[in-house]
N, C-alpha and C. Protein backbone atom coordinates (compact mmCIF):
# COMPACT_ATOMS: atom_id res chain seq x y z
N MET A 1 -14.31 5.46 -71.92
CA MET A 1 -14.84 6.07 -70.71
C MET A 1 -15.48 7.39 -71.09
N SER A 2 -16.66 7.69 -70.50
CA SER A 2 -17.32 8.93 -70.87
C SER A 2 -18.27 9.42 -69.79
N SER A 3 -18.64 10.67 -69.90
CA SER A 3 -19.71 11.25 -69.09
C SER A 3 -20.63 12.01 -70.04
N SER A 4 -20.83 11.49 -71.20
CA SER A 4 -21.61 12.03 -72.32
C SER A 4 -20.95 13.23 -72.99
N LEU A 5 -20.70 14.32 -72.25
CA LEU A 5 -20.03 15.47 -72.86
C LEU A 5 -18.52 15.27 -72.95
N PHE A 6 -17.97 14.45 -72.08
CA PHE A 6 -16.52 14.29 -71.99
C PHE A 6 -16.18 12.81 -72.14
N VAL A 7 -15.40 12.50 -73.19
CA VAL A 7 -15.18 11.11 -73.57
C VAL A 7 -13.70 10.85 -73.83
N ILE A 8 -13.22 9.72 -73.33
CA ILE A 8 -11.92 9.17 -73.69
C ILE A 8 -12.22 7.88 -74.44
N THR A 9 -11.69 7.75 -75.66
CA THR A 9 -12.03 6.61 -76.50
C THR A 9 -10.82 6.10 -77.26
N ASP A 10 -10.87 4.84 -77.64
CA ASP A 10 -9.82 4.29 -78.50
C ASP A 10 -10.32 4.16 -79.94
N GLN A 11 -11.47 4.73 -80.21
CA GLN A 11 -12.07 4.68 -81.54
C GLN A 11 -11.88 6.00 -82.28
N PRO A 12 -11.90 5.97 -83.62
CA PRO A 12 -11.84 7.24 -84.37
C PRO A 12 -12.97 8.18 -83.94
N ILE A 13 -12.66 9.47 -83.96
CA ILE A 13 -13.61 10.49 -83.51
C ILE A 13 -14.34 11.06 -84.72
N VAL A 14 -15.65 11.21 -84.59
CA VAL A 14 -16.47 11.84 -85.62
C VAL A 14 -16.81 13.24 -85.11
N PRO A 15 -16.19 14.28 -85.69
CA PRO A 15 -16.39 15.65 -85.17
C PRO A 15 -17.85 16.07 -85.06
N GLU A 16 -18.67 15.71 -86.04
CA GLU A 16 -20.07 16.11 -86.01
C GLU A 16 -20.80 15.54 -84.79
N GLU A 17 -20.42 14.35 -84.36
CA GLU A 17 -21.05 13.77 -83.17
C GLU A 17 -20.73 14.59 -81.93
N VAL A 18 -19.51 15.08 -81.83
CA VAL A 18 -19.11 15.91 -80.69
C VAL A 18 -19.83 17.26 -80.77
N SER A 19 -19.87 17.84 -81.96
CA SER A 19 -20.55 19.12 -82.17
C SER A 19 -22.03 19.04 -81.82
N ASN A 20 -22.66 17.94 -82.18
CA ASN A 20 -24.09 17.78 -81.90
C ASN A 20 -24.41 17.80 -80.41
N LYS A 21 -23.45 17.44 -79.58
CA LYS A 21 -23.66 17.43 -78.13
C LYS A 21 -23.87 18.82 -77.55
N VAL A 22 -23.35 19.85 -78.24
CA VAL A 22 -23.46 21.21 -77.70
C VAL A 22 -24.47 22.07 -78.44
N LYS A 23 -25.08 21.53 -79.50
CA LYS A 23 -26.09 22.30 -80.24
C LYS A 23 -27.29 22.57 -79.35
N ARG A 24 -27.76 23.80 -79.41
CA ARG A 24 -28.96 24.17 -78.65
C ARG A 24 -29.53 25.46 -79.21
N ARG A 25 -30.76 25.72 -78.91
CA ARG A 25 -31.46 26.88 -79.46
C ARG A 25 -30.86 28.22 -79.03
N GLU A 26 -30.27 28.24 -77.85
CA GLU A 26 -29.71 29.49 -77.31
C GLU A 26 -28.34 29.82 -77.91
N ALA A 27 -27.76 28.91 -78.63
CA ALA A 27 -26.39 29.11 -79.15
C ALA A 27 -26.42 29.87 -80.46
N GLY A 28 -25.67 30.96 -80.49
CA GLY A 28 -25.49 31.71 -81.73
C GLY A 28 -24.18 31.35 -82.41
N ALA A 29 -23.37 30.53 -81.70
CA ALA A 29 -22.08 30.13 -82.26
C ALA A 29 -21.68 28.78 -81.69
N ILE A 30 -21.05 27.99 -82.55
CA ILE A 30 -20.41 26.75 -82.12
C ILE A 30 -19.02 26.75 -82.74
N THR A 31 -18.01 26.63 -81.89
CA THR A 31 -16.65 26.48 -82.39
C THR A 31 -16.25 25.03 -82.24
N LEU A 32 -15.48 24.58 -83.20
CA LEU A 32 -15.04 23.19 -83.21
C LEU A 32 -13.53 23.18 -83.45
N PHE A 33 -12.80 22.59 -82.51
CA PHE A 33 -11.36 22.44 -82.64
C PHE A 33 -11.05 20.98 -82.87
N LEU A 34 -10.26 20.70 -83.91
CA LEU A 34 -9.80 19.34 -84.18
C LEU A 34 -8.29 19.34 -84.05
N GLY A 35 -7.79 18.60 -83.09
CA GLY A 35 -6.35 18.41 -82.95
C GLY A 35 -5.96 17.16 -83.71
N THR A 36 -5.07 17.31 -84.69
CA THR A 36 -4.70 16.18 -85.54
C THR A 36 -3.21 15.85 -85.40
N VAL A 37 -2.86 14.67 -85.83
CA VAL A 37 -1.47 14.23 -85.79
C VAL A 37 -0.73 14.81 -86.98
N ARG A 38 0.29 15.59 -86.70
CA ARG A 38 1.07 16.21 -87.78
C ARG A 38 2.32 15.38 -88.07
N GLU A 39 2.82 15.52 -89.26
CA GLU A 39 3.99 14.75 -89.68
C GLU A 39 5.30 15.36 -89.20
N LEU A 40 5.39 16.68 -89.18
CA LEU A 40 6.62 17.35 -88.76
C LEU A 40 6.38 18.14 -87.49
N THR A 41 7.28 17.96 -86.52
CA THR A 41 7.25 18.73 -85.29
C THR A 41 8.61 19.36 -85.12
N TYR A 42 8.68 20.67 -85.34
CA TYR A 42 9.93 21.41 -85.23
C TYR A 42 11.03 20.74 -86.05
N GLY A 43 10.69 20.36 -87.29
CA GLY A 43 11.67 19.80 -88.21
C GLY A 43 11.94 18.33 -88.06
N LYS A 44 11.34 17.68 -87.08
CA LYS A 44 11.53 16.24 -86.89
C LYS A 44 10.30 15.51 -87.41
N ARG A 45 10.54 14.47 -88.20
CA ARG A 45 9.44 13.71 -88.81
C ARG A 45 8.87 12.71 -87.81
N THR A 46 7.57 12.75 -87.67
CA THR A 46 6.84 11.83 -86.81
C THR A 46 6.25 10.72 -87.67
N LEU A 47 6.40 9.49 -87.21
CA LEU A 47 5.80 8.35 -87.91
C LEU A 47 4.38 8.09 -87.43
N TYR A 48 4.19 8.14 -86.11
CA TYR A 48 2.86 7.98 -85.51
C TYR A 48 2.95 8.42 -84.05
N LEU A 49 1.80 8.57 -83.42
CA LEU A 49 1.72 8.93 -82.00
C LEU A 49 1.01 7.82 -81.24
N GLU A 50 1.30 7.75 -79.97
CA GLU A 50 0.53 6.91 -79.07
C GLU A 50 0.08 7.79 -77.91
N TYR A 51 -1.21 7.75 -77.64
CA TYR A 51 -1.76 8.46 -76.50
C TYR A 51 -2.18 7.45 -75.46
N ASP A 52 -1.94 7.79 -74.20
CA ASP A 52 -2.40 6.97 -73.09
C ASP A 52 -3.05 7.91 -72.10
N ALA A 53 -3.93 7.37 -71.29
CA ALA A 53 -4.64 8.21 -70.33
C ALA A 53 -5.03 7.40 -69.11
N TYR A 54 -5.29 8.10 -68.05
CA TYR A 54 -5.93 7.54 -66.87
C TYR A 54 -7.39 7.97 -67.04
N PRO A 55 -8.23 7.13 -67.67
CA PRO A 55 -9.56 7.56 -68.13
C PRO A 55 -10.47 8.16 -67.06
N THR A 56 -10.56 7.53 -65.90
CA THR A 56 -11.46 8.05 -64.87
C THR A 56 -11.06 9.45 -64.45
N MET A 57 -9.77 9.65 -64.20
CA MET A 57 -9.29 10.97 -63.80
C MET A 57 -9.36 11.95 -64.96
N ALA A 58 -9.06 11.48 -66.17
CA ALA A 58 -9.12 12.37 -67.34
C ALA A 58 -10.53 12.93 -67.51
N VAL A 59 -11.54 12.07 -67.42
CA VAL A 59 -12.93 12.55 -67.55
C VAL A 59 -13.26 13.50 -66.42
N ALA A 60 -12.84 13.20 -65.21
CA ALA A 60 -13.10 14.09 -64.06
C ALA A 60 -12.47 15.47 -64.30
N GLN A 61 -11.27 15.50 -64.84
CA GLN A 61 -10.61 16.78 -65.10
C GLN A 61 -11.27 17.51 -66.27
N LEU A 62 -11.72 16.78 -67.27
CA LEU A 62 -12.46 17.42 -68.37
C LEU A 62 -13.76 18.04 -67.84
N GLU A 63 -14.44 17.33 -66.94
CA GLU A 63 -15.65 17.88 -66.33
C GLU A 63 -15.32 19.15 -65.55
N ARG A 64 -14.20 19.14 -64.85
CA ARG A 64 -13.75 20.33 -64.12
C ARG A 64 -13.55 21.50 -65.08
N ILE A 65 -12.91 21.24 -66.21
CA ILE A 65 -12.70 22.29 -67.20
C ILE A 65 -14.05 22.81 -67.70
N GLY A 66 -15.00 21.90 -67.92
CA GLY A 66 -16.34 22.32 -68.33
C GLY A 66 -16.97 23.26 -67.32
N ARG A 67 -16.80 22.97 -66.02
CA ARG A 67 -17.32 23.87 -64.97
C ARG A 67 -16.61 25.21 -64.99
N GLU A 68 -15.29 25.19 -65.18
CA GLU A 68 -14.53 26.44 -65.25
C GLU A 68 -15.02 27.31 -66.41
N VAL A 69 -15.30 26.68 -67.53
CA VAL A 69 -15.80 27.43 -68.70
C VAL A 69 -17.15 28.06 -68.38
N ARG A 70 -18.04 27.32 -67.78
CA ARG A 70 -19.37 27.87 -67.44
C ARG A 70 -19.26 29.03 -66.46
N GLU A 71 -18.28 28.98 -65.55
CA GLU A 71 -18.07 30.08 -64.61
C GLU A 71 -17.56 31.33 -65.31
N ARG A 72 -16.70 31.18 -66.32
CA ARG A 72 -16.10 32.32 -67.02
C ARG A 72 -16.98 32.86 -68.14
N TRP A 73 -17.67 31.97 -68.84
CA TRP A 73 -18.49 32.36 -69.98
C TRP A 73 -19.89 31.78 -69.77
N ALA A 74 -20.77 32.60 -69.25
CA ALA A 74 -22.13 32.16 -68.94
C ALA A 74 -22.81 31.59 -70.19
N ASP A 75 -23.67 30.62 -69.98
CA ASP A 75 -24.47 30.02 -71.06
C ASP A 75 -23.61 29.34 -72.12
N THR A 76 -22.43 28.87 -71.74
CA THR A 76 -21.54 28.20 -72.67
C THR A 76 -21.49 26.71 -72.32
N VAL A 77 -21.54 25.87 -73.34
CA VAL A 77 -21.52 24.42 -73.14
C VAL A 77 -20.32 23.84 -73.90
N VAL A 78 -19.63 22.89 -73.26
CA VAL A 78 -18.43 22.28 -73.82
C VAL A 78 -18.60 20.77 -73.92
N ALA A 79 -18.06 20.20 -74.99
CA ALA A 79 -17.93 18.75 -75.13
C ALA A 79 -16.53 18.47 -75.64
N VAL A 80 -15.90 17.44 -75.09
CA VAL A 80 -14.55 17.06 -75.50
C VAL A 80 -14.49 15.55 -75.68
N THR A 81 -13.93 15.12 -76.80
CA THR A 81 -13.62 13.71 -77.00
C THR A 81 -12.15 13.60 -77.34
N HIS A 82 -11.42 12.79 -76.58
CA HIS A 82 -9.99 12.59 -76.80
C HIS A 82 -9.74 11.12 -77.09
N ARG A 83 -8.96 10.87 -78.10
CA ARG A 83 -8.65 9.50 -78.50
C ARG A 83 -7.35 9.04 -77.86
N VAL A 84 -7.28 7.76 -77.52
CA VAL A 84 -6.07 7.14 -77.01
C VAL A 84 -5.71 5.96 -77.91
N GLY A 85 -4.48 5.47 -77.73
CA GLY A 85 -4.00 4.38 -78.57
C GLY A 85 -3.09 4.93 -79.66
N ARG A 86 -2.86 4.11 -80.68
CA ARG A 86 -1.99 4.50 -81.78
C ARG A 86 -2.75 5.34 -82.79
N LEU A 87 -2.19 6.50 -83.13
CA LEU A 87 -2.79 7.39 -84.12
C LEU A 87 -1.79 7.64 -85.23
N GLU A 88 -2.27 7.56 -86.44
CA GLU A 88 -1.44 7.77 -87.62
C GLU A 88 -1.47 9.25 -88.02
N ILE A 89 -0.59 9.64 -88.93
CA ILE A 89 -0.55 11.01 -89.42
C ILE A 89 -1.93 11.38 -89.97
N SER A 90 -2.40 12.55 -89.62
CA SER A 90 -3.70 13.13 -90.00
C SER A 90 -4.88 12.62 -89.20
N ASP A 91 -4.70 11.60 -88.34
CA ASP A 91 -5.80 11.17 -87.49
C ASP A 91 -6.19 12.28 -86.53
N ILE A 92 -7.43 12.28 -86.12
CA ILE A 92 -7.92 13.25 -85.14
C ILE A 92 -7.65 12.71 -83.74
N ALA A 93 -6.94 13.49 -82.94
CA ALA A 93 -6.61 13.10 -81.57
C ALA A 93 -7.62 13.65 -80.57
N VAL A 94 -8.11 14.86 -80.82
CA VAL A 94 -9.04 15.49 -79.89
C VAL A 94 -10.00 16.39 -80.66
N VAL A 95 -11.25 16.40 -80.19
CA VAL A 95 -12.25 17.33 -80.72
C VAL A 95 -12.85 18.07 -79.53
N ILE A 96 -12.85 19.39 -79.65
CA ILE A 96 -13.47 20.24 -78.63
C ILE A 96 -14.57 21.04 -79.31
N ALA A 97 -15.77 20.93 -78.79
CA ALA A 97 -16.90 21.70 -79.30
C ALA A 97 -17.39 22.62 -78.20
N VAL A 98 -17.61 23.88 -78.55
CA VAL A 98 -18.11 24.86 -77.58
C VAL A 98 -19.26 25.62 -78.22
N SER A 99 -20.37 25.68 -77.52
CA SER A 99 -21.48 26.52 -77.99
C SER A 99 -21.71 27.63 -76.99
N SER A 100 -22.09 28.78 -77.54
CA SER A 100 -22.30 29.97 -76.73
C SER A 100 -23.27 30.89 -77.47
N PRO A 101 -23.94 31.76 -76.75
CA PRO A 101 -24.81 32.71 -77.43
C PRO A 101 -24.05 33.61 -78.40
N HIS A 102 -22.75 33.85 -78.12
CA HIS A 102 -21.97 34.78 -78.94
C HIS A 102 -20.64 34.15 -79.35
N ARG A 103 -20.17 34.49 -80.57
CA ARG A 103 -18.97 33.85 -81.13
C ARG A 103 -17.71 34.14 -80.34
N LYS A 104 -17.55 35.35 -79.81
CA LYS A 104 -16.32 35.68 -79.08
C LYS A 104 -16.13 34.74 -77.89
N ALA A 105 -17.18 34.53 -77.14
CA ALA A 105 -17.10 33.63 -75.99
C ALA A 105 -16.81 32.20 -76.44
N ALA A 106 -17.40 31.78 -77.55
CA ALA A 106 -17.16 30.42 -78.05
C ALA A 106 -15.69 30.25 -78.45
N TYR A 107 -15.12 31.24 -79.14
CA TYR A 107 -13.71 31.16 -79.51
C TYR A 107 -12.81 31.16 -78.28
N GLU A 108 -13.05 32.08 -77.37
CA GLU A 108 -12.22 32.19 -76.18
C GLU A 108 -12.30 30.92 -75.34
N ALA A 109 -13.50 30.41 -75.14
CA ALA A 109 -13.67 29.21 -74.33
C ALA A 109 -13.00 28.01 -74.97
N ASN A 110 -13.07 27.91 -76.28
CA ASN A 110 -12.46 26.77 -76.96
C ASN A 110 -10.94 26.80 -76.77
N GLU A 111 -10.33 27.97 -76.92
CA GLU A 111 -8.89 28.08 -76.69
C GLU A 111 -8.54 27.76 -75.24
N TYR A 112 -9.35 28.23 -74.32
CA TYR A 112 -9.14 27.95 -72.90
C TYR A 112 -9.14 26.45 -72.65
N VAL A 113 -10.09 25.74 -73.25
CA VAL A 113 -10.21 24.31 -73.01
C VAL A 113 -8.96 23.56 -73.46
N ILE A 114 -8.45 23.83 -74.64
CA ILE A 114 -7.28 23.08 -75.10
C ILE A 114 -6.07 23.37 -74.23
N GLU A 115 -5.90 24.61 -73.79
CA GLU A 115 -4.78 24.94 -72.93
C GLU A 115 -4.90 24.25 -71.57
N ARG A 116 -6.11 24.21 -71.03
CA ARG A 116 -6.32 23.54 -69.73
C ARG A 116 -6.14 22.03 -69.85
N ILE A 117 -6.54 21.45 -70.97
CA ILE A 117 -6.31 20.02 -71.17
C ILE A 117 -4.81 19.74 -71.05
N LYS A 118 -4.01 20.54 -71.71
CA LYS A 118 -2.55 20.35 -71.67
C LYS A 118 -2.01 20.50 -70.25
N GLN A 119 -2.65 21.35 -69.45
CA GLN A 119 -2.15 21.63 -68.11
C GLN A 119 -2.55 20.58 -67.08
N ILE A 120 -3.78 20.07 -67.12
CA ILE A 120 -4.27 19.28 -65.97
C ILE A 120 -4.84 17.90 -66.29
N VAL A 121 -5.04 17.56 -67.53
CA VAL A 121 -5.69 16.28 -67.83
C VAL A 121 -4.62 15.19 -68.01
N PRO A 122 -4.76 14.07 -67.28
CA PRO A 122 -3.76 13.00 -67.37
C PRO A 122 -3.87 12.19 -68.67
N ILE A 123 -3.39 12.81 -69.74
CA ILE A 123 -3.29 12.18 -71.05
C ILE A 123 -1.85 12.39 -71.49
N TRP A 124 -1.20 11.29 -71.89
CA TRP A 124 0.21 11.36 -72.26
C TRP A 124 0.38 11.02 -73.73
N LYS A 125 1.27 11.76 -74.37
CA LYS A 125 1.53 11.57 -75.79
C LYS A 125 2.95 11.08 -75.98
N LYS A 126 3.10 10.01 -76.75
CA LYS A 126 4.42 9.51 -77.12
C LYS A 126 4.53 9.66 -78.63
N GLU A 127 5.56 10.40 -79.05
CA GLU A 127 5.81 10.59 -80.48
C GLU A 127 6.88 9.62 -80.93
N HIS A 128 6.61 8.89 -81.99
CA HIS A 128 7.58 7.96 -82.57
C HIS A 128 8.16 8.64 -83.81
N GLY A 129 9.46 8.95 -83.74
CA GLY A 129 10.12 9.70 -84.80
C GLY A 129 10.77 8.82 -85.85
N GLU A 130 10.93 9.39 -87.02
CA GLU A 130 11.55 8.71 -88.14
C GLU A 130 12.98 8.27 -87.81
N ASP A 131 13.65 9.06 -86.98
CA ASP A 131 15.04 8.75 -86.64
C ASP A 131 15.15 7.75 -85.49
N GLY A 132 14.02 7.13 -85.10
CA GLY A 132 14.03 6.13 -84.04
C GLY A 132 13.81 6.69 -82.66
N THR A 133 13.72 8.00 -82.55
CA THR A 133 13.51 8.60 -81.24
C THR A 133 12.07 8.43 -80.80
N GLU A 134 11.90 8.38 -79.51
CA GLU A 134 10.58 8.38 -78.91
C GLU A 134 10.58 9.46 -77.86
N TRP A 135 9.55 10.28 -77.87
CA TRP A 135 9.44 11.36 -76.90
C TRP A 135 8.16 11.19 -76.12
N ILE A 136 8.25 11.42 -74.84
CA ILE A 136 7.06 11.37 -74.00
C ILE A 136 6.98 12.68 -73.24
N GLY A 137 5.85 13.38 -73.38
CA GLY A 137 5.60 14.60 -72.64
C GLY A 137 6.72 15.61 -72.72
N ASP A 138 7.15 16.13 -71.58
CA ASP A 138 8.16 17.17 -71.53
C ASP A 138 9.54 16.68 -71.94
N GLN A 139 9.73 15.37 -72.02
CA GLN A 139 11.01 14.88 -72.51
C GLN A 139 11.26 15.40 -73.92
N LEU A 140 10.20 15.62 -74.67
CA LEU A 140 10.34 16.19 -76.02
C LEU A 140 11.01 17.55 -75.91
N ASN A 141 10.57 18.34 -74.97
CA ASN A 141 11.16 19.67 -74.79
C ASN A 141 12.63 19.58 -74.37
N GLN A 142 12.90 18.71 -73.43
CA GLN A 142 14.22 18.67 -72.82
C GLN A 142 15.27 17.95 -73.65
N GLN A 143 14.90 16.85 -74.30
CA GLN A 143 15.88 16.03 -75.01
C GLN A 143 15.97 16.39 -76.49
N ALA A 144 14.85 16.46 -77.16
CA ALA A 144 14.87 16.67 -78.60
C ALA A 144 15.17 18.12 -78.96
N TYR A 145 14.82 19.05 -78.07
CA TYR A 145 14.99 20.46 -78.36
C TYR A 145 15.65 21.16 -77.18
N PRO A 146 16.91 20.84 -76.89
CA PRO A 146 17.57 21.44 -75.72
C PRO A 146 17.69 22.96 -75.82
N GLU A 147 17.63 23.49 -77.05
CA GLU A 147 17.71 24.95 -77.22
C GLU A 147 16.40 25.62 -76.84
N GLY A 148 15.39 24.82 -76.60
CA GLY A 148 14.10 25.34 -76.19
C GLY A 148 13.13 25.41 -77.35
N ARG A 149 11.87 25.43 -77.04
CA ARG A 149 10.82 25.56 -78.02
C ARG A 149 9.67 26.29 -77.38
N PRO A 150 8.75 26.82 -78.16
CA PRO A 150 7.66 27.59 -77.57
C PRO A 150 6.90 26.79 -76.52
N MET A 151 6.57 27.42 -75.46
CA MET A 151 5.81 26.78 -74.39
C MET A 151 4.35 27.24 -74.46
N VAL A 152 3.46 26.46 -73.88
CA VAL A 152 2.06 26.83 -73.81
C VAL A 152 1.94 28.10 -72.98
N ARG A 153 1.23 29.07 -73.52
CA ARG A 153 1.10 30.32 -72.78
C ARG A 153 0.18 30.13 -71.59
N ASP A 154 0.41 30.93 -70.57
CA ASP A 154 -0.42 30.85 -69.39
C ASP A 154 -1.80 31.42 -69.67
N ILE A 155 -2.81 30.80 -69.09
CA ILE A 155 -4.17 31.31 -69.17
C ILE A 155 -4.30 32.40 -68.11
N PRO A 156 -4.72 33.60 -68.50
CA PRO A 156 -4.84 34.67 -67.50
C PRO A 156 -5.88 34.34 -66.44
N LYS A 157 -5.56 34.72 -65.22
CA LYS A 157 -6.53 34.56 -64.14
C LYS A 157 -7.65 35.57 -64.36
N GLU A 158 -8.78 35.28 -63.74
CA GLU A 158 -9.97 36.11 -63.94
C GLU A 158 -9.69 37.59 -63.68
N ASP A 159 -8.90 37.90 -62.64
CA ASP A 159 -8.63 39.31 -62.32
C ASP A 159 -7.62 39.95 -63.26
N GLU A 160 -6.98 39.16 -64.14
CA GLU A 160 -6.02 39.70 -65.10
C GLU A 160 -6.65 39.93 -66.46
N ARG A 161 -7.88 39.53 -66.65
CA ARG A 161 -8.54 39.62 -67.96
C ARG A 161 -9.15 40.98 -68.17
């Protein structure tokens, strides 16, 4: 499922293809974020991940994030491709490309996008652990790490920046 700039796919992601979507003459910077499958999460070994999504809503929410970015950082363009299905260690799960006239805005917008994806986009991650455990979403926080683990920091509101 896609809207050209925002794509949910079950195919491997080619970062350069995502980056090319935001290239333009007005851009002095392009930031590229690649979210990959890591082997260890807080000391627990991961065998593989499974991502699932509600594609229509996921793309709609990604488009919303794109609008939010344009409102906060003028002349900034965003493209996001997120993969679903089974992903092995080191596979790319998500690519976020942001172009902007200036590098600071590109960096800030890119970080904003990944945090907002975690907050509002209906994409679910299931981690399959070496010890036979399976974690889905916040269950990872509550069951595997009852002592707590770092949480995603809040994105400051416009009037707090």
